[in-house]
Amino acid sequence: MLELKEDIFHLADGRQERRVTVESMILGMSASNSNVIQKGDELLQVNGQNVDDLPFPAIRESVCGQRGSLVSFRFRRFQESANSSSPSKDFQVVLKRGSWGAEHAVVSPEDQDLLDVRSWPRKDSMNLQK
């Protein structure tokens, strides 16, 4: 289970910007055991629906569901640099609700490669035949 938080930013031009981010995860459940989702990741979509289109209580409701059912998330991870935070990686995770173990979290190989900067490019992916 994911605990989410909502932050409202007031922009200089009078508009508001909202971010929904991961506050915490319940240890031992599929979200924390996925080893992919991290505190501070911005939630962009739940089951293909943009969170910008939903009030916060509806977002929290859509994260919960019947145990054993699947839920799809799209997140954005911000990369910290010396100068500023800049959007660096969007990725999708499919979790089985109410499950224990990383085997109940699915991340595409492409998204996993983007998140695992230590392995990209993989040495074996660069083999060229002579």
N, C-alpha and C. Protein backbone atom coordinates (compact mmCIF):
# COMPACT_ATOMS: atom_id res chain seq x y z
N MET A 1 0.84 -1.19 0.00
CA MET A 1 0.00 0.00 0.00
C MET A 1 0.88 1.24 0.00
N LEU A 2 0.46 2.21 -0.76
CA LEU A 2 1.16 3.48 -0.85
C LEU A 2 0.45 4.52 -0.01
N GLU A 3 1.22 5.28 0.73
CA GLU A 3 0.69 6.48 1.39
C GLU A 3 1.10 7.65 0.52
N LEU A 4 0.13 8.44 0.11
CA LEU A 4 0.37 9.56 -0.79
C LEU A 4 0.19 10.88 -0.06
N LYS A 5 0.84 11.91 -0.59
CA LYS A 5 0.60 13.26 -0.07
C LYS A 5 0.39 14.19 -1.25
N GLU A 6 -0.36 15.24 -0.99
CA GLU A 6 -0.69 16.23 -2.01
C GLU A 6 -0.05 17.55 -1.61
N ASP A 7 0.70 18.13 -2.54
CA ASP A 7 1.29 19.45 -2.32
C ASP A 7 0.73 20.40 -3.36
N ILE A 8 0.34 21.59 -2.91
CA ILE A 8 -0.16 22.64 -3.80
C ILE A 8 0.88 23.75 -3.84
N PHE A 9 1.30 24.10 -5.05
CA PHE A 9 2.27 25.18 -5.24
C PHE A 9 1.57 26.36 -5.88
N HIS A 10 1.77 27.54 -5.32
CA HIS A 10 1.20 28.77 -5.87
C HIS A 10 2.25 29.42 -6.75
N LEU A 11 1.94 29.52 -8.04
CA LEU A 11 2.89 30.07 -9.00
C LEU A 11 2.80 31.58 -9.05
N ALA A 12 3.84 32.21 -9.56
CA ALA A 12 3.92 33.68 -9.61
C ALA A 12 2.81 34.29 -10.45
N ASP A 13 2.33 33.55 -11.45
CA ASP A 13 1.28 34.09 -12.32
C ASP A 13 -0.12 33.87 -11.75
N GLY A 14 -0.22 33.40 -10.51
CA GLY A 14 -1.51 33.22 -9.87
C GLY A 14 -2.09 31.81 -10.01
N ARG A 15 -1.52 31.00 -10.87
CA ARG A 15 -2.01 29.63 -11.03
C ARG A 15 -1.51 28.75 -9.89
N GLN A 16 -2.15 27.60 -9.76
CA GLN A 16 -1.72 26.61 -8.78
C GLN A 16 -1.25 25.36 -9.52
N GLU A 17 -0.26 24.73 -8.96
CA GLU A 17 0.22 23.45 -9.48
C GLU A 17 0.16 22.45 -8.34
N ARG A 18 -0.32 21.26 -8.66
CA ARG A 18 -0.45 20.23 -7.64
C ARG A 18 0.46 19.05 -7.98
N ARG A 19 1.06 18.50 -6.95
CA ARG A 19 1.84 17.28 -7.09
C ARG A 19 1.37 16.28 -6.06
N VAL A 20 1.18 15.05 -6.51
CA VAL A 20 0.85 13.94 -5.63
C VAL A 20 2.08 13.05 -5.60
N THR A 21 2.64 12.86 -4.42
CA THR A 21 3.88 12.09 -4.31
C THR A 21 3.75 10.97 -3.29
N VAL A 22 4.66 10.02 -3.39
CA VAL A 22 4.71 8.90 -2.45
C VAL A 22 5.30 9.41 -1.14
N GLU A 23 4.54 9.27 -0.08
CA GLU A 23 5.00 9.66 1.26
C GLU A 23 5.67 8.48 1.95
N SER A 24 5.07 7.29 1.82
CA SER A 24 5.65 6.09 2.43
C SER A 24 4.97 4.87 1.84
N MET A 25 5.52 3.70 2.18
CA MET A 25 4.95 2.42 1.75
C MET A 25 4.94 1.48 2.95
N ILE A 26 4.00 0.58 2.96
CA ILE A 26 3.96 -0.41 4.04
C ILE A 26 5.00 -1.48 3.75
N LEU A 27 5.93 -1.65 4.67
CA LEU A 27 7.00 -2.63 4.50
C LEU A 27 6.41 -4.02 4.31
N GLY A 28 7.01 -4.76 3.40
CA GLY A 28 6.59 -6.13 3.16
C GLY A 28 5.52 -6.27 2.10
N MET A 29 4.89 -5.18 1.70
CA MET A 29 3.86 -5.25 0.67
C MET A 29 4.50 -5.06 -0.70
N SER A 30 3.73 -5.32 -1.76
CA SER A 30 4.30 -5.34 -3.11
C SER A 30 4.94 -4.01 -3.52
N ALA A 31 4.40 -2.87 -3.09
CA ALA A 31 4.99 -1.58 -3.47
C ALA A 31 6.40 -1.44 -2.91
N SER A 32 6.58 -1.73 -1.63
CA SER A 32 7.92 -1.60 -1.04
C SER A 32 8.84 -2.71 -1.51
N ASN A 33 8.31 -3.91 -1.70
CA ASN A 33 9.14 -5.03 -2.15
C ASN A 33 9.51 -4.96 -3.62
N SER A 34 8.85 -4.08 -4.36
CA SER A 34 9.19 -3.94 -5.79
C SER A 34 10.60 -3.40 -5.97
N ASN A 35 11.09 -2.70 -4.96
CA ASN A 35 12.40 -2.05 -5.03
C ASN A 35 12.49 -1.07 -6.19
N VAL A 36 11.36 -0.56 -6.62
CA VAL A 36 11.32 0.40 -7.72
C VAL A 36 10.74 1.72 -7.24
N ILE A 37 9.62 1.68 -6.55
CA ILE A 37 8.95 2.89 -6.08
C ILE A 37 9.72 3.44 -4.89
N GLN A 38 9.90 4.77 -4.88
CA GLN A 38 10.63 5.42 -3.79
C GLN A 38 9.82 6.58 -3.24
N LYS A 39 10.09 6.89 -1.98
CA LYS A 39 9.49 8.08 -1.38
C LYS A 39 9.88 9.29 -2.23
N GLY A 40 8.90 10.15 -2.51
CA GLY A 40 9.15 11.34 -3.32
C GLY A 40 8.82 11.17 -4.78
N ASP A 41 8.61 9.93 -5.26
CA ASP A 41 8.20 9.74 -6.65
C ASP A 41 6.85 10.42 -6.86
N GLU A 42 6.72 11.13 -7.97
CA GLU A 42 5.46 11.81 -8.28
C GLU A 42 4.53 10.86 -9.01
N LEU A 43 3.30 10.74 -8.53
CA LEU A 43 2.29 9.89 -9.16
C LEU A 43 1.65 10.67 -10.30
N LEU A 44 1.70 10.10 -11.51
CA LEU A 44 1.13 10.75 -12.69
C LEU A 44 -0.20 10.13 -13.10
N GLN A 45 -0.29 8.79 -13.01
CA GLN A 45 -1.50 8.08 -13.44
C GLN A 45 -1.76 6.89 -12.53
N VAL A 46 -3.05 6.57 -12.38
CA VAL A 46 -3.48 5.34 -11.73
C VAL A 46 -4.42 4.66 -12.71
N ASN A 47 -4.09 3.43 -13.10
CA ASN A 47 -4.88 2.68 -14.08
C ASN A 47 -5.17 3.50 -15.34
N GLY A 48 -4.16 4.23 -15.80
CA GLY A 48 -4.27 4.99 -17.04
C GLY A 48 -4.96 6.33 -16.92
N GLN A 49 -5.46 6.67 -15.75
CA GLN A 49 -6.15 7.95 -15.56
C GLN A 49 -5.20 8.96 -14.93
N ASN A 50 -5.10 10.14 -15.55
CA ASN A 50 -4.22 11.19 -15.03
C ASN A 50 -4.72 11.66 -13.67
N VAL A 51 -3.80 11.79 -12.72
CA VAL A 51 -4.19 12.25 -11.39
C VAL A 51 -4.60 13.72 -11.41
N ASP A 52 -4.17 14.47 -12.43
CA ASP A 52 -4.59 15.88 -12.55
C ASP A 52 -6.10 16.00 -12.71
N ASP A 53 -6.74 14.93 -13.21
CA ASP A 53 -8.18 14.95 -13.46
C ASP A 53 -9.00 14.50 -12.25
N LEU A 54 -8.33 14.15 -11.15
CA LEU A 54 -9.02 13.57 -10.00
C LEU A 54 -8.77 14.38 -8.73
N PRO A 55 -9.79 14.53 -7.88
CA PRO A 55 -9.55 15.12 -6.56
C PRO A 55 -8.73 14.12 -5.72
N PHE A 56 -7.99 14.65 -4.76
CA PHE A 56 -7.09 13.81 -3.96
C PHE A 56 -7.79 12.62 -3.30
N PRO A 57 -8.98 12.79 -2.70
CA PRO A 57 -9.64 11.62 -2.10
C PRO A 57 -9.92 10.51 -3.12
N ALA A 58 -10.25 10.89 -4.35
CA ALA A 58 -10.50 9.89 -5.39
C ALA A 58 -9.21 9.17 -5.79
N ILE A 59 -8.10 9.88 -5.77
CA ILE A 59 -6.81 9.26 -6.08
C ILE A 59 -6.49 8.21 -5.01
N ARG A 60 -6.64 8.59 -3.76
CA ARG A 60 -6.36 7.64 -2.67
C ARG A 60 -7.28 6.43 -2.75
N GLU A 61 -8.53 6.66 -3.11
CA GLU A 61 -9.48 5.56 -3.26
C GLU A 61 -9.08 4.62 -4.38
N SER A 62 -8.60 5.20 -5.50
CA SER A 62 -8.23 4.37 -6.65
C SER A 62 -6.97 3.55 -6.39
N VAL A 63 -6.14 3.98 -5.45
CA VAL A 63 -4.96 3.20 -5.09
C VAL A 63 -5.38 1.95 -4.32
N CYS A 64 -6.38 2.09 -3.47
CA CYS A 64 -6.90 0.95 -2.72
C CYS A 64 -7.83 0.17 -3.63
N GLY A 65 -8.06 -1.04 -3.29
CA GLY A 65 -8.97 -1.86 -4.08
C GLY A 65 -9.02 -3.25 -3.50
N GLN A 66 -9.70 -4.12 -4.21
CA GLN A 66 -9.88 -5.48 -3.74
C GLN A 66 -8.55 -6.22 -3.73
N ARG A 67 -8.28 -6.90 -2.64
CA ARG A 67 -7.04 -7.66 -2.50
C ARG A 67 -6.93 -8.65 -3.66
N GLY A 68 -5.75 -8.68 -4.26
CA GLY A 68 -5.49 -9.58 -5.38
C GLY A 68 -5.72 -8.94 -6.74
N SER A 69 -6.39 -7.79 -6.77
CA SER A 69 -6.60 -7.11 -8.05
C SER A 69 -5.35 -6.34 -8.44
N LEU A 70 -5.21 -6.06 -9.72
CA LEU A 70 -4.04 -5.35 -10.23
C LEU A 70 -4.31 -3.86 -10.29
N VAL A 71 -3.26 -3.09 -10.07
CA VAL A 71 -3.34 -1.63 -10.20
C VAL A 71 -2.07 -1.17 -10.90
N SER A 72 -2.25 -0.28 -11.87
CA SER A 72 -1.13 0.23 -12.67
C SER A 72 -0.85 1.67 -12.28
N PHE A 73 0.42 1.99 -12.09
CA PHE A 73 0.85 3.34 -11.74
C PHE A 73 1.86 3.84 -12.75
N ARG A 74 1.79 5.12 -13.05
CA ARG A 74 2.87 5.79 -13.79
C ARG A 74 3.42 6.85 -12.85
N PHE A 75 4.74 6.82 -12.66
CA PHE A 75 5.43 7.73 -11.76
C PHE A 75 6.45 8.56 -12.52
N ARG A 76 6.86 9.64 -11.91
CA ARG A 76 8.00 10.44 -12.37
C ARG A 76 8.98 10.54 -11.21
N ARG A 77 10.23 10.25 -11.52
CA ARG A 77 11.28 10.38 -10.52
C ARG A 77 12.14 11.58 -10.89
N PHE A 78 12.35 12.46 -9.92
CA PHE A 78 13.17 13.64 -10.14
C PHE A 78 14.60 13.31 -9.75
N GLN A 79 15.52 13.67 -10.61
CA GLN A 79 16.94 13.45 -10.36
C GLN A 79 17.51 14.69 -9.73
N GLU A 80 18.11 14.53 -8.58
CA GLU A 80 18.75 15.67 -7.92
C GLU A 80 20.09 15.94 -8.58
N SER A 81 20.35 17.19 -8.88
CA SER A 81 21.65 17.58 -9.41
C SER A 81 22.17 18.75 -8.58
N ALA A 82 23.38 19.14 -8.84
CA ALA A 82 23.98 20.24 -8.08
C ALA A 82 23.21 21.54 -8.29
N ASN A 83 22.65 21.73 -9.47
CA ASN A 83 21.98 22.98 -9.81
C ASN A 83 20.51 23.00 -9.39
N SER A 84 19.78 21.92 -9.69
CA SER A 84 18.35 21.92 -9.40
C SER A 84 17.79 20.52 -9.54
N SER A 85 16.48 20.40 -9.29
CA SER A 85 15.78 19.16 -9.57
C SER A 85 15.21 19.26 -10.97
N SER A 86 15.37 18.23 -11.74
CA SER A 86 14.79 18.23 -13.07
C SER A 86 14.14 16.89 -13.32
N PRO A 87 13.00 16.87 -14.03
CA PRO A 87 12.36 15.59 -14.30
C PRO A 87 13.32 14.70 -15.07
N SER A 88 13.49 13.49 -14.60
CA SER A 88 14.45 12.65 -15.29
C SER A 88 13.85 11.37 -15.82
N LYS A 89 12.95 10.73 -15.09
CA LYS A 89 12.50 9.41 -15.51
C LYS A 89 11.03 9.20 -15.20
N ASP A 90 10.27 8.82 -16.21
CA ASP A 90 8.90 8.37 -16.01
C ASP A 90 8.91 6.86 -16.15
N PHE A 91 8.17 6.16 -15.28
CA PHE A 91 8.14 4.71 -15.35
C PHE A 91 6.79 4.19 -14.88
N GLN A 92 6.48 2.98 -15.32
CA GLN A 92 5.20 2.35 -14.98
C GLN A 92 5.46 1.10 -14.16
N VAL A 93 4.59 0.88 -13.16
CA VAL A 93 4.66 -0.29 -12.30
C VAL A 93 3.25 -0.85 -12.18
N VAL A 94 3.12 -2.17 -12.29
CA VAL A 94 1.84 -2.84 -12.06
C VAL A 94 2.00 -3.66 -10.79
N LEU A 95 1.11 -3.41 -9.82
CA LEU A 95 1.17 -4.11 -8.53
C LEU A 95 -0.08 -4.95 -8.33
N LYS A 96 0.09 -6.03 -7.59
CA LYS A 96 -1.05 -6.82 -7.14
C LYS A 96 -1.38 -6.34 -5.74
N ARG A 97 -2.59 -5.84 -5.55
CA ARG A 97 -2.98 -5.25 -4.27
C ARG A 97 -2.98 -6.30 -3.16
N GLY A 98 -2.50 -5.87 -1.99
CA GLY A 98 -2.55 -6.72 -0.81
C GLY A 98 -1.63 -7.92 -0.88
N SER A 99 -0.56 -7.82 -1.66
CA SER A 99 0.34 -8.96 -1.84
C SER A 99 1.68 -8.69 -1.19
N TRP A 100 2.32 -9.75 -0.81
CA TRP A 100 3.64 -9.67 -0.19
C TRP A 100 4.64 -10.26 -1.16
N GLY A 101 5.63 -9.50 -1.51
CA GLY A 101 6.71 -10.03 -2.34
C GLY A 101 6.88 -9.28 -3.64
N ALA A 102 8.14 -9.20 -4.06
CA ALA A 102 8.49 -8.48 -5.28
C ALA A 102 7.91 -9.14 -6.51
N GLU A 103 7.59 -10.43 -6.44
CA GLU A 103 7.02 -11.12 -7.60
C GLU A 103 5.64 -10.58 -7.96
N HIS A 104 5.05 -9.78 -7.09
CA HIS A 104 3.73 -9.19 -7.35
C HIS A 104 3.84 -7.76 -7.86
N ALA A 105 5.03 -7.38 -8.31
CA ALA A 105 5.26 -6.07 -8.91
C ALA A 105 5.92 -6.28 -10.26
N VAL A 106 5.33 -5.70 -11.31
CA VAL A 106 5.85 -5.87 -12.66
C VAL A 106 6.30 -4.52 -13.18
N VAL A 107 7.54 -4.48 -13.65
CA VAL A 107 8.11 -3.29 -14.27
C VAL A 107 8.67 -3.75 -15.61
N SER A 108 8.37 -3.01 -16.67
CA SER A 108 8.88 -3.40 -17.98
C SER A 108 10.41 -3.37 -17.98
N PRO A 109 11.05 -4.22 -18.79
CA PRO A 109 12.52 -4.20 -18.85
C PRO A 109 13.07 -2.83 -19.24
N GLU A 110 12.36 -2.13 -20.12
CA GLU A 110 12.81 -0.80 -20.55
C GLU A 110 12.80 0.18 -19.38
N ASP A 111 11.69 0.19 -18.62
CA ASP A 111 11.61 1.08 -17.46
C ASP A 111 12.63 0.69 -16.40
N GLN A 112 12.84 -0.61 -16.22
CA GLN A 112 13.83 -1.06 -15.24
C GLN A 112 15.22 -0.58 -15.64
N ASP A 113 15.54 -0.65 -16.94
CA ASP A 113 16.84 -0.16 -17.41
C ASP A 113 16.99 1.33 -17.15
N LEU A 114 15.93 2.11 -17.37
CA LEU A 114 16.00 3.55 -17.13
C LEU A 114 16.25 3.86 -15.66
N LEU A 115 15.64 3.07 -14.79
CA LEU A 115 15.76 3.33 -13.36
C LEU A 115 17.09 2.84 -12.79
N ASP A 116 17.65 1.81 -13.39
CA ASP A 116 18.89 1.23 -12.88
C ASP A 116 20.07 1.81 -13.65
N VAL A 117 20.47 3.02 -13.28
CA VAL A 117 21.51 3.73 -14.02
C VAL A 117 22.85 3.00 -13.98
N ARG A 118 23.03 2.16 -13.00
CA ARG A 118 24.31 1.44 -12.92
C ARG A 118 24.43 0.39 -14.01
N SER A 119 23.32 -0.01 -14.61
CA SER A 119 23.39 -1.10 -15.58
C SER A 119 23.17 -0.64 -17.01
N TRP A 120 23.11 0.66 -17.25
CA TRP A 120 22.82 1.11 -18.61
C TRP A 120 23.99 1.86 -19.18
N PRO A 121 24.47 1.57 -20.38
CA PRO A 121 24.05 0.39 -21.14
C PRO A 121 24.68 -0.87 -20.56
N ARG A 122 23.97 -1.94 -20.71
CA ARG A 122 24.50 -3.20 -20.20
C ARG A 122 25.65 -3.65 -21.09
N LYS A 123 26.66 -4.19 -20.45
CA LYS A 123 27.85 -4.61 -21.19
C LYS A 123 27.49 -5.62 -22.27
N ASP A 124 26.63 -6.60 -21.93
CA ASP A 124 26.29 -7.62 -22.92
C ASP A 124 25.40 -7.10 -24.04
N SER A 125 24.79 -5.93 -23.87
CA SER A 125 23.95 -5.38 -24.94
C SER A 125 24.78 -4.67 -26.00
N MET A 126 26.06 -4.47 -25.72
CA MET A 126 26.92 -3.74 -26.65
C MET A 126 27.79 -4.67 -27.48
N ASN A 127 27.56 -5.99 -27.39
CA ASN A 127 28.38 -6.93 -28.16
C ASN A 127 28.08 -6.78 -29.63
N LEU A 128 29.09 -6.50 -30.38
CA LEU A 128 28.95 -6.38 -31.82
C LEU A 128 29.72 -7.51 -32.47
N GLN A 129 29.12 -8.09 -33.50
CA GLN A 129 29.82 -9.16 -34.20
C GLN A 129 30.80 -8.54 -35.18
N LYS A 130 31.95 -9.15 -35.25
CA LYS A 130 32.99 -8.63 -36.16
C LYS A 130 32.99 -9.39 -37.44
